Structures are given as C-alpha cells and as structure tokens.
Amino acid sequence: MNPQKIDSLVNHLAQARLGGGPTLLPPKTLDVPGLNEAYQAQQKLHEYLSPRGFGPLVGYKIGCTTKVMQEFLSIDHHCSGEIFESKVFEEKAKLNLSDFHRIGVECEIAARLSRDLPETGTPYDRENVADAVGA
C-alpha cells in the first residue's frame, strides 16, 4: 500500500472521528491488503488525532479476542490498538448519548503497570509481568 493511499485512508477515518458522525466504510479503493499496512495506517491516524484533542497515547488494548467478535467483524484474528488520554475516565463520567453511534457494551479488563517491561524478544507470560502490575 503506497503512502498516498495510507494518507487517504487516514484522512477518511480522521474526518469521521473529528466530525462526530458515524464512521462510514472507506471506499474499496482504500482497502488495506494486510495487517502490517493496517497498523501503519493506525499509527498515522493516532499521530494525526493526538494533537487534535485526543491527547497522547496512554495505554494499549487487545480487541476481537473471541470467535464471536471475530465472526461479527469478518476477521480471523485479534487486533491491538492504543488508548488516548482523552478517552480514559478515572472516576464517574457523564457522557452525551448523542456523541455515540451504534453503541455496544463489551467487557474491558485493565491493568496499570508500575514500571516498563523490558524488551525480551519473546512473549510475556504471567510470571514475567506479575511484579510490574501496579493496579
């Protein structure tokens, strides 16, 4: 996927996020051929949105971890993403229903790390991350 195509996709998604309306599917000409390109577009989208009211990235998430959700979205894998500071609520939050479209509720489990995890080149497991969990 060439850089201009990624920029066009990022522009389409950014305008939807900033415009407040529902996110329409991008045109087929902007289809992403694979996960690497999708994550490149995601990174560029985050770089675009951060200074435009979304704030810095403060966390990471994994989505589509169940077969049901993967089938719902017509994919066969989980997805990772980042969390913007402006989307984290430490305590009760009052949100406007009109700011949301196609509302769904899913279970989210969060952990706050008390220190950075060192790069190991291998997957982390419970034993090598447990002492880094702060809350």
N, C-alpha and C. Protein backbone atom coordinates (compact mmCIF):
# COMPACT_ATOMS: atom_id res chain seq x y z
N MET A 1 0.86 -1.18 0.00
CA MET A 1 0.00 0.00 0.00
C MET A 1 0.90 1.23 0.00
N ASN A 2 0.72 2.08 -0.97
CA ASN A 2 1.60 3.24 -1.08
C ASN A 2 1.24 4.30 -0.04
N PRO A 3 2.20 5.17 0.27
CA PRO A 3 1.97 6.18 1.32
C PRO A 3 0.78 7.10 1.04
N GLN A 4 0.54 7.44 -0.22
CA GLN A 4 -0.59 8.31 -0.54
C GLN A 4 -1.92 7.62 -0.23
N LYS A 5 -1.98 6.32 -0.47
CA LYS A 5 -3.20 5.57 -0.18
C LYS A 5 -3.43 5.49 1.33
N ILE A 6 -2.36 5.27 2.08
CA ILE A 6 -2.49 5.25 3.54
C ILE A 6 -2.94 6.63 4.03
N ASP A 7 -2.37 7.70 3.48
CA ASP A 7 -2.77 9.05 3.88
C ASP A 7 -4.25 9.30 3.57
N SER A 8 -4.72 8.81 2.43
CA SER A 8 -6.14 8.98 2.07
C SER A 8 -7.04 8.22 3.06
N LEU A 9 -6.63 7.01 3.43
CA LEU A 9 -7.39 6.24 4.40
C LEU A 9 -7.40 6.94 5.75
N VAL A 10 -6.24 7.42 6.19
CA VAL A 10 -6.15 8.14 7.47
C VAL A 10 -7.05 9.38 7.43
N ASN A 11 -7.04 10.11 6.35
CA ASN A 11 -7.89 11.30 6.23
C ASN A 11 -9.36 10.93 6.35
N HIS A 12 -9.77 9.85 5.67
CA HIS A 12 -11.17 9.39 5.73
C HIS A 12 -11.56 9.08 7.18
N LEU A 13 -10.73 8.30 7.87
CA LEU A 13 -11.03 7.90 9.25
C LEU A 13 -10.96 9.08 10.21
N ALA A 14 -9.97 9.95 10.02
CA ALA A 14 -9.82 11.11 10.91
C ALA A 14 -11.02 12.05 10.80
N GLN A 15 -11.48 12.29 9.59
CA GLN A 15 -12.62 13.19 9.42
C GLN A 15 -13.86 12.62 10.10
N ALA A 16 -14.01 11.30 10.05
CA ALA A 16 -15.15 10.68 10.73
C ALA A 16 -15.02 10.84 12.24
N ARG A 17 -13.83 10.60 12.77
CA ARG A 17 -13.63 10.72 14.23
C ARG A 17 -13.79 12.16 14.69
N LEU A 18 -13.29 13.11 13.93
CA LEU A 18 -13.35 14.51 14.33
C LEU A 18 -14.69 15.15 14.01
N GLY A 19 -15.40 14.60 13.02
CA GLY A 19 -16.66 15.19 12.59
C GLY A 19 -17.85 14.84 13.45
N GLY A 20 -17.73 13.81 14.26
CA GLY A 20 -18.81 13.46 15.17
C GLY A 20 -19.88 12.56 14.60
N GLY A 21 -19.85 12.31 13.31
CA GLY A 21 -20.86 11.44 12.71
C GLY A 21 -20.40 10.00 12.72
N PRO A 22 -21.25 9.13 12.22
CA PRO A 22 -20.85 7.71 12.15
C PRO A 22 -19.70 7.54 11.16
N THR A 23 -18.88 6.54 11.41
CA THR A 23 -17.76 6.25 10.51
C THR A 23 -18.26 5.36 9.39
N LEU A 24 -18.29 5.90 8.20
CA LEU A 24 -18.70 5.11 7.05
C LEU A 24 -17.51 4.29 6.56
N LEU A 25 -17.78 3.14 6.00
CA LEU A 25 -16.69 2.35 5.44
C LEU A 25 -15.97 3.15 4.37
N PRO A 26 -14.65 3.05 4.34
CA PRO A 26 -13.92 3.76 3.28
C PRO A 26 -14.21 3.11 1.93
N PRO A 27 -13.97 3.84 0.85
CA PRO A 27 -14.18 3.24 -0.47
C PRO A 27 -13.27 2.03 -0.67
N LYS A 28 -13.72 1.09 -1.49
CA LYS A 28 -12.95 -0.14 -1.75
C LYS A 28 -11.53 0.17 -2.23
N THR A 29 -11.34 1.31 -2.89
CA THR A 29 -10.00 1.66 -3.38
C THR A 29 -9.01 1.87 -2.23
N LEU A 30 -9.53 2.04 -1.00
CA LEU A 30 -8.66 2.24 0.17
C LEU A 30 -8.57 0.99 1.04
N ASP A 31 -9.06 -0.14 0.54
CA ASP A 31 -8.94 -1.38 1.30
C ASP A 31 -7.48 -1.65 1.62
N VAL A 32 -7.25 -2.13 2.82
CA VAL A 32 -5.89 -2.41 3.30
C VAL A 32 -5.58 -3.87 2.98
N PRO A 33 -4.45 -4.14 2.33
CA PRO A 33 -4.15 -5.52 1.91
C PRO A 33 -3.74 -6.47 3.04
N GLY A 34 -3.30 -5.95 4.18
CA GLY A 34 -2.85 -6.85 5.25
C GLY A 34 -2.71 -6.13 6.57
N LEU A 35 -2.38 -6.90 7.60
CA LEU A 35 -2.27 -6.34 8.95
C LEU A 35 -1.16 -5.30 9.07
N ASN A 36 -0.01 -5.54 8.44
CA ASN A 36 1.08 -4.57 8.55
C ASN A 36 0.64 -3.20 8.06
N GLU A 37 -0.03 -3.18 6.92
CA GLU A 37 -0.50 -1.90 6.37
C GLU A 37 -1.58 -1.29 7.26
N ALA A 38 -2.43 -2.14 7.83
CA ALA A 38 -3.48 -1.64 8.72
C ALA A 38 -2.87 -0.98 9.94
N TYR A 39 -1.84 -1.60 10.51
CA TYR A 39 -1.20 -1.00 11.68
C TYR A 39 -0.41 0.25 11.32
N GLN A 40 0.12 0.33 10.10
CA GLN A 40 0.78 1.57 9.65
C GLN A 40 -0.25 2.70 9.60
N ALA A 41 -1.42 2.40 9.04
CA ALA A 41 -2.48 3.41 8.96
C ALA A 41 -2.95 3.80 10.35
N GLN A 42 -3.08 2.82 11.25
CA GLN A 42 -3.49 3.10 12.62
C GLN A 42 -2.50 4.04 13.31
N GLN A 43 -1.22 3.79 13.13
CA GLN A 43 -0.19 4.65 13.74
C GLN A 43 -0.29 6.07 13.20
N LYS A 44 -0.47 6.20 11.89
CA LYS A 44 -0.58 7.55 11.30
C LYS A 44 -1.86 8.25 11.78
N LEU A 45 -2.94 7.48 11.93
CA LEU A 45 -4.18 8.06 12.43
C LEU A 45 -3.99 8.59 13.84
N HIS A 46 -3.32 7.82 14.68
CA HIS A 46 -3.06 8.27 16.06
C HIS A 46 -2.19 9.52 16.07
N GLU A 47 -1.19 9.57 15.21
CA GLU A 47 -0.33 10.75 15.13
C GLU A 47 -1.13 11.98 14.71
N TYR A 48 -2.13 11.78 13.86
CA TYR A 48 -2.97 12.87 13.40
C TYR A 48 -3.95 13.33 14.49
N LEU A 49 -4.55 12.38 15.20
CA LEU A 49 -5.58 12.72 16.18
C LEU A 49 -5.02 13.26 17.49
N SER A 50 -3.84 12.81 17.90
CA SER A 50 -3.29 13.22 19.20
C SER A 50 -3.28 14.73 19.41
N PRO A 51 -2.74 15.53 18.47
CA PRO A 51 -2.71 16.97 18.71
C PRO A 51 -4.05 17.67 18.41
N ARG A 52 -5.05 16.91 18.00
CA ARG A 52 -6.35 17.49 17.65
C ARG A 52 -7.42 17.13 18.68
N GLY A 53 -7.04 17.14 19.96
CA GLY A 53 -8.00 16.96 21.03
C GLY A 53 -8.05 15.58 21.65
N PHE A 54 -7.39 14.60 21.05
CA PHE A 54 -7.42 13.25 21.61
C PHE A 54 -6.33 13.04 22.66
N GLY A 55 -5.29 13.85 22.60
CA GLY A 55 -4.22 13.76 23.58
C GLY A 55 -3.25 12.63 23.28
N PRO A 56 -2.27 12.46 24.16
CA PRO A 56 -1.25 11.43 23.93
C PRO A 56 -1.81 10.03 24.14
N LEU A 57 -1.09 9.07 23.64
CA LEU A 57 -1.43 7.67 23.88
C LEU A 57 -0.98 7.29 25.28
N VAL A 58 -1.87 6.65 26.04
CA VAL A 58 -1.56 6.31 27.43
C VAL A 58 -1.69 4.82 27.72
N GLY A 59 -2.10 4.04 26.74
CA GLY A 59 -2.27 2.62 27.00
C GLY A 59 -2.49 1.84 25.73
N TYR A 60 -2.62 0.55 25.90
CA TYR A 60 -2.80 -0.37 24.79
C TYR A 60 -3.96 -1.30 25.08
N LYS A 61 -4.56 -1.83 24.04
CA LYS A 61 -5.66 -2.77 24.24
C LYS A 61 -5.60 -3.85 23.17
N ILE A 62 -6.24 -4.93 23.49
CA ILE A 62 -6.38 -6.03 22.54
C ILE A 62 -7.87 -6.24 22.34
N GLY A 63 -8.31 -6.25 21.10
CA GLY A 63 -9.72 -6.45 20.80
C GLY A 63 -9.94 -7.69 19.96
N CYS A 64 -11.19 -8.01 19.79
CA CYS A 64 -11.59 -9.16 18.96
C CYS A 64 -10.95 -10.45 19.45
N THR A 65 -10.98 -10.66 20.74
CA THR A 65 -10.33 -11.84 21.31
C THR A 65 -11.22 -13.07 21.30
N THR A 66 -12.49 -12.91 20.99
CA THR A 66 -13.39 -14.06 20.95
C THR A 66 -13.78 -14.39 19.52
N LYS A 67 -14.08 -15.65 19.28
CA LYS A 67 -14.52 -16.09 17.96
C LYS A 67 -15.80 -15.36 17.55
N VAL A 68 -16.68 -15.12 18.51
CA VAL A 68 -17.94 -14.43 18.22
C VAL A 68 -17.68 -13.04 17.65
N MET A 69 -16.79 -12.27 18.29
CA MET A 69 -16.49 -10.92 17.82
C MET A 69 -15.77 -10.96 16.49
N GLN A 70 -14.86 -11.90 16.32
CA GLN A 70 -14.15 -12.03 15.05
C GLN A 70 -15.12 -12.34 13.92
N GLU A 71 -16.05 -13.24 14.15
CA GLU A 71 -17.05 -13.57 13.13
C GLU A 71 -17.94 -12.37 12.84
N PHE A 72 -18.31 -11.62 13.87
CA PHE A 72 -19.13 -10.42 13.71
C PHE A 72 -18.45 -9.42 12.79
N LEU A 73 -17.12 -9.31 12.91
CA LEU A 73 -16.35 -8.35 12.11
C LEU A 73 -15.73 -8.96 10.85
N SER A 74 -16.00 -10.25 10.62
CA SER A 74 -15.48 -10.95 9.44
C SER A 74 -13.95 -10.95 9.39
N ILE A 75 -13.34 -11.23 10.54
CA ILE A 75 -11.88 -11.35 10.60
C ILE A 75 -11.54 -12.65 11.34
N ASP A 76 -10.29 -13.07 11.26
CA ASP A 76 -9.90 -14.33 11.89
C ASP A 76 -8.75 -14.15 12.88
N HIS A 77 -8.66 -12.98 13.50
CA HIS A 77 -7.54 -12.69 14.40
C HIS A 77 -7.94 -11.61 15.39
N HIS A 78 -7.15 -11.50 16.45
CA HIS A 78 -7.37 -10.40 17.37
C HIS A 78 -6.71 -9.14 16.80
N CYS A 79 -6.98 -8.01 17.40
CA CYS A 79 -6.43 -6.73 16.95
C CYS A 79 -5.88 -5.98 18.15
N SER A 80 -4.82 -5.24 17.92
CA SER A 80 -4.31 -4.40 19.01
C SER A 80 -4.54 -2.94 18.67
N GLY A 81 -4.62 -2.15 19.68
CA GLY A 81 -4.82 -0.72 19.49
C GLY A 81 -4.30 0.04 20.68
N GLU A 82 -4.30 1.34 20.55
CA GLU A 82 -3.84 2.20 21.63
C GLU A 82 -5.01 3.00 22.19
N ILE A 83 -4.80 3.53 23.38
CA ILE A 83 -5.84 4.28 24.07
C ILE A 83 -5.36 5.72 24.25
N PHE A 84 -6.19 6.67 23.84
CA PHE A 84 -5.87 8.08 24.00
C PHE A 84 -6.20 8.55 25.42
N GLU A 85 -5.42 9.50 25.91
CA GLU A 85 -5.64 10.05 27.24
C GLU A 85 -7.06 10.60 27.41
N SER A 86 -7.59 11.24 26.38
CA SER A 86 -8.92 11.85 26.49
C SER A 86 -10.04 10.82 26.58
N LYS A 87 -9.74 9.56 26.37
CA LYS A 87 -10.76 8.51 26.42
C LYS A 87 -10.66 7.66 27.69
N VAL A 88 -9.85 8.11 28.64
CA VAL A 88 -9.71 7.41 29.92
C VAL A 88 -10.42 8.24 30.98
N PHE A 89 -11.29 7.59 31.73
CA PHE A 89 -12.03 8.25 32.80
C PHE A 89 -11.66 7.57 34.11
N GLU A 90 -11.01 8.31 35.00
CA GLU A 90 -10.54 7.76 36.26
C GLU A 90 -11.68 7.49 37.23
N GLU A 91 -12.73 8.28 37.13
CA GLU A 91 -13.87 8.12 38.02
C GLU A 91 -15.13 8.21 37.19
N LYS A 92 -16.24 8.43 37.82
CA LYS A 92 -17.50 8.52 37.09
C LYS A 92 -17.40 9.58 35.99
N ALA A 93 -18.04 9.28 34.88
CA ALA A 93 -18.05 10.23 33.77
C ALA A 93 -19.48 10.38 33.27
N LYS A 94 -19.83 11.59 32.90
CA LYS A 94 -21.13 11.85 32.30
C LYS A 94 -20.89 12.12 30.83
N LEU A 95 -21.42 11.25 29.98
CA LEU A 95 -21.19 11.34 28.54
C LEU A 95 -22.50 11.63 27.84
N ASN A 96 -22.42 12.33 26.72
CA ASN A 96 -23.61 12.64 25.93
C ASN A 96 -23.92 11.50 24.97
N LEU A 97 -25.11 10.97 25.07
CA LEU A 97 -25.53 9.88 24.20
C LEU A 97 -25.39 10.26 22.72
N SER A 98 -25.65 11.51 22.40
CA SER A 98 -25.59 11.95 21.00
C SER A 98 -24.18 11.93 20.42
N ASP A 99 -23.16 11.78 21.27
CA ASP A 99 -21.78 11.70 20.79
C ASP A 99 -21.42 10.31 20.27
N PHE A 100 -22.33 9.35 20.41
CA PHE A 100 -22.03 7.96 20.07
C PHE A 100 -22.99 7.43 19.02
N HIS A 101 -22.54 6.43 18.28
CA HIS A 101 -23.33 5.79 17.23
C HIS A 101 -23.16 4.28 17.36
N ARG A 102 -24.23 3.55 17.14
CA ARG A 102 -24.19 2.08 17.22
C ARG A 102 -23.51 1.62 18.52
N ILE A 103 -24.07 2.04 19.60
CA ILE A 103 -23.48 1.77 20.91
C ILE A 103 -23.49 0.28 21.20
N GLY A 104 -22.38 -0.20 21.68
CA GLY A 104 -22.26 -1.59 22.13
C GLY A 104 -21.50 -1.59 23.44
N VAL A 105 -21.73 -2.59 24.22
CA VAL A 105 -21.04 -2.70 25.50
C VAL A 105 -20.23 -3.99 25.48
N GLU A 106 -18.97 -3.87 25.85
CA GLU A 106 -18.13 -5.06 25.96
C GLU A 106 -17.33 -4.97 27.25
N CYS A 107 -16.94 -6.10 27.72
CA CYS A 107 -16.16 -6.18 28.95
C CYS A 107 -14.72 -5.75 28.66
N GLU A 108 -14.22 -4.85 29.45
CA GLU A 108 -12.83 -4.42 29.32
C GLU A 108 -12.11 -4.71 30.63
N ILE A 109 -10.97 -5.31 30.55
CA ILE A 109 -10.15 -5.57 31.73
C ILE A 109 -8.88 -4.74 31.57
N ALA A 110 -8.54 -3.99 32.60
CA ALA A 110 -7.38 -3.10 32.51
C ALA A 110 -6.40 -3.40 33.63
N ALA A 111 -5.15 -3.17 33.35
CA ALA A 111 -4.09 -3.25 34.35
C ALA A 111 -3.19 -2.04 34.16
N ARG A 112 -2.79 -1.44 35.24
CA ARG A 112 -1.85 -0.32 35.17
C ARG A 112 -0.48 -0.85 35.59
N LEU A 113 0.49 -0.67 34.71
CA LEU A 113 1.84 -1.13 35.02
C LEU A 113 2.57 -0.09 35.86
N SER A 114 3.31 -0.56 36.84
CA SER A 114 4.06 0.34 37.70
C SER A 114 5.47 0.60 37.17
N ARG A 115 5.86 -0.14 36.14
CA ARG A 115 7.16 0.06 35.51
C ARG A 115 7.10 -0.47 34.08
N ASP A 116 8.03 -0.01 33.27
CA ASP A 116 8.11 -0.50 31.90
C ASP A 116 8.57 -1.95 31.90
N LEU A 117 8.08 -2.70 30.93
CA LEU A 117 8.55 -4.07 30.75
C LEU A 117 9.71 -4.06 29.77
N PRO A 118 10.78 -4.78 30.09
CA PRO A 118 11.93 -4.78 29.18
C PRO A 118 11.61 -5.57 27.91
N GLU A 119 12.24 -5.17 26.82
CA GLU A 119 12.08 -5.90 25.57
C GLU A 119 12.81 -7.24 25.70
N THR A 120 12.12 -8.32 25.42
CA THR A 120 12.72 -9.64 25.58
C THR A 120 12.83 -10.43 24.28
N GLY A 121 12.05 -10.04 23.28
CA GLY A 121 12.05 -10.80 22.03
C GLY A 121 11.18 -12.04 22.10
N THR A 122 10.58 -12.29 23.25
CA THR A 122 9.68 -13.43 23.41
C THR A 122 8.39 -12.94 24.05
N PRO A 123 7.31 -13.71 23.89
CA PRO A 123 6.04 -13.28 24.51
C PRO A 123 6.14 -13.22 26.03
N TYR A 124 5.40 -12.30 26.60
CA TYR A 124 5.32 -12.21 28.05
C TYR A 124 4.32 -13.23 28.56
N ASP A 125 4.52 -13.68 29.80
CA ASP A 125 3.55 -14.54 30.44
C ASP A 125 3.31 -14.02 31.85
N ARG A 126 2.43 -14.68 32.58
CA ARG A 126 2.07 -14.23 33.92
C ARG A 126 3.29 -14.07 34.83
N GLU A 127 4.18 -15.00 34.76
CA GLU A 127 5.35 -14.97 35.66
C GLU A 127 6.26 -13.78 35.42
N ASN A 128 6.45 -13.39 34.13
CA ASN A 128 7.41 -12.31 33.91
C ASN A 128 6.77 -10.92 33.84
N VAL A 129 5.46 -10.81 34.11
CA VAL A 129 4.85 -9.48 34.18
C VAL A 129 4.17 -9.20 35.51
N ALA A 130 3.95 -10.21 36.32
CA ALA A 130 3.16 -10.04 37.54
C ALA A 130 3.70 -8.94 38.45
N ASP A 131 5.01 -8.86 38.62
CA ASP A 131 5.55 -7.86 39.54
C ASP A 131 5.55 -6.45 38.96
N ALA A 132 5.19 -6.31 37.68
CA ALA A 132 5.10 -4.98 37.07
C ALA A 132 3.69 -4.41 37.12
N VAL A 133 2.72 -5.23 37.54
CA VAL A 133 1.33 -4.76 37.60
C VAL A 133 1.15 -3.93 38.87
N GLY A 134 0.79 -2.65 38.66
CA GLY A 134 0.62 -1.75 39.80
C GLY A 134 -0.81 -1.66 40.28
N ALA A 135 -1.77 -1.81 39.37
CA ALA A 135 -3.19 -1.73 39.76
C ALA A 135 -4.04 -2.35 38.68
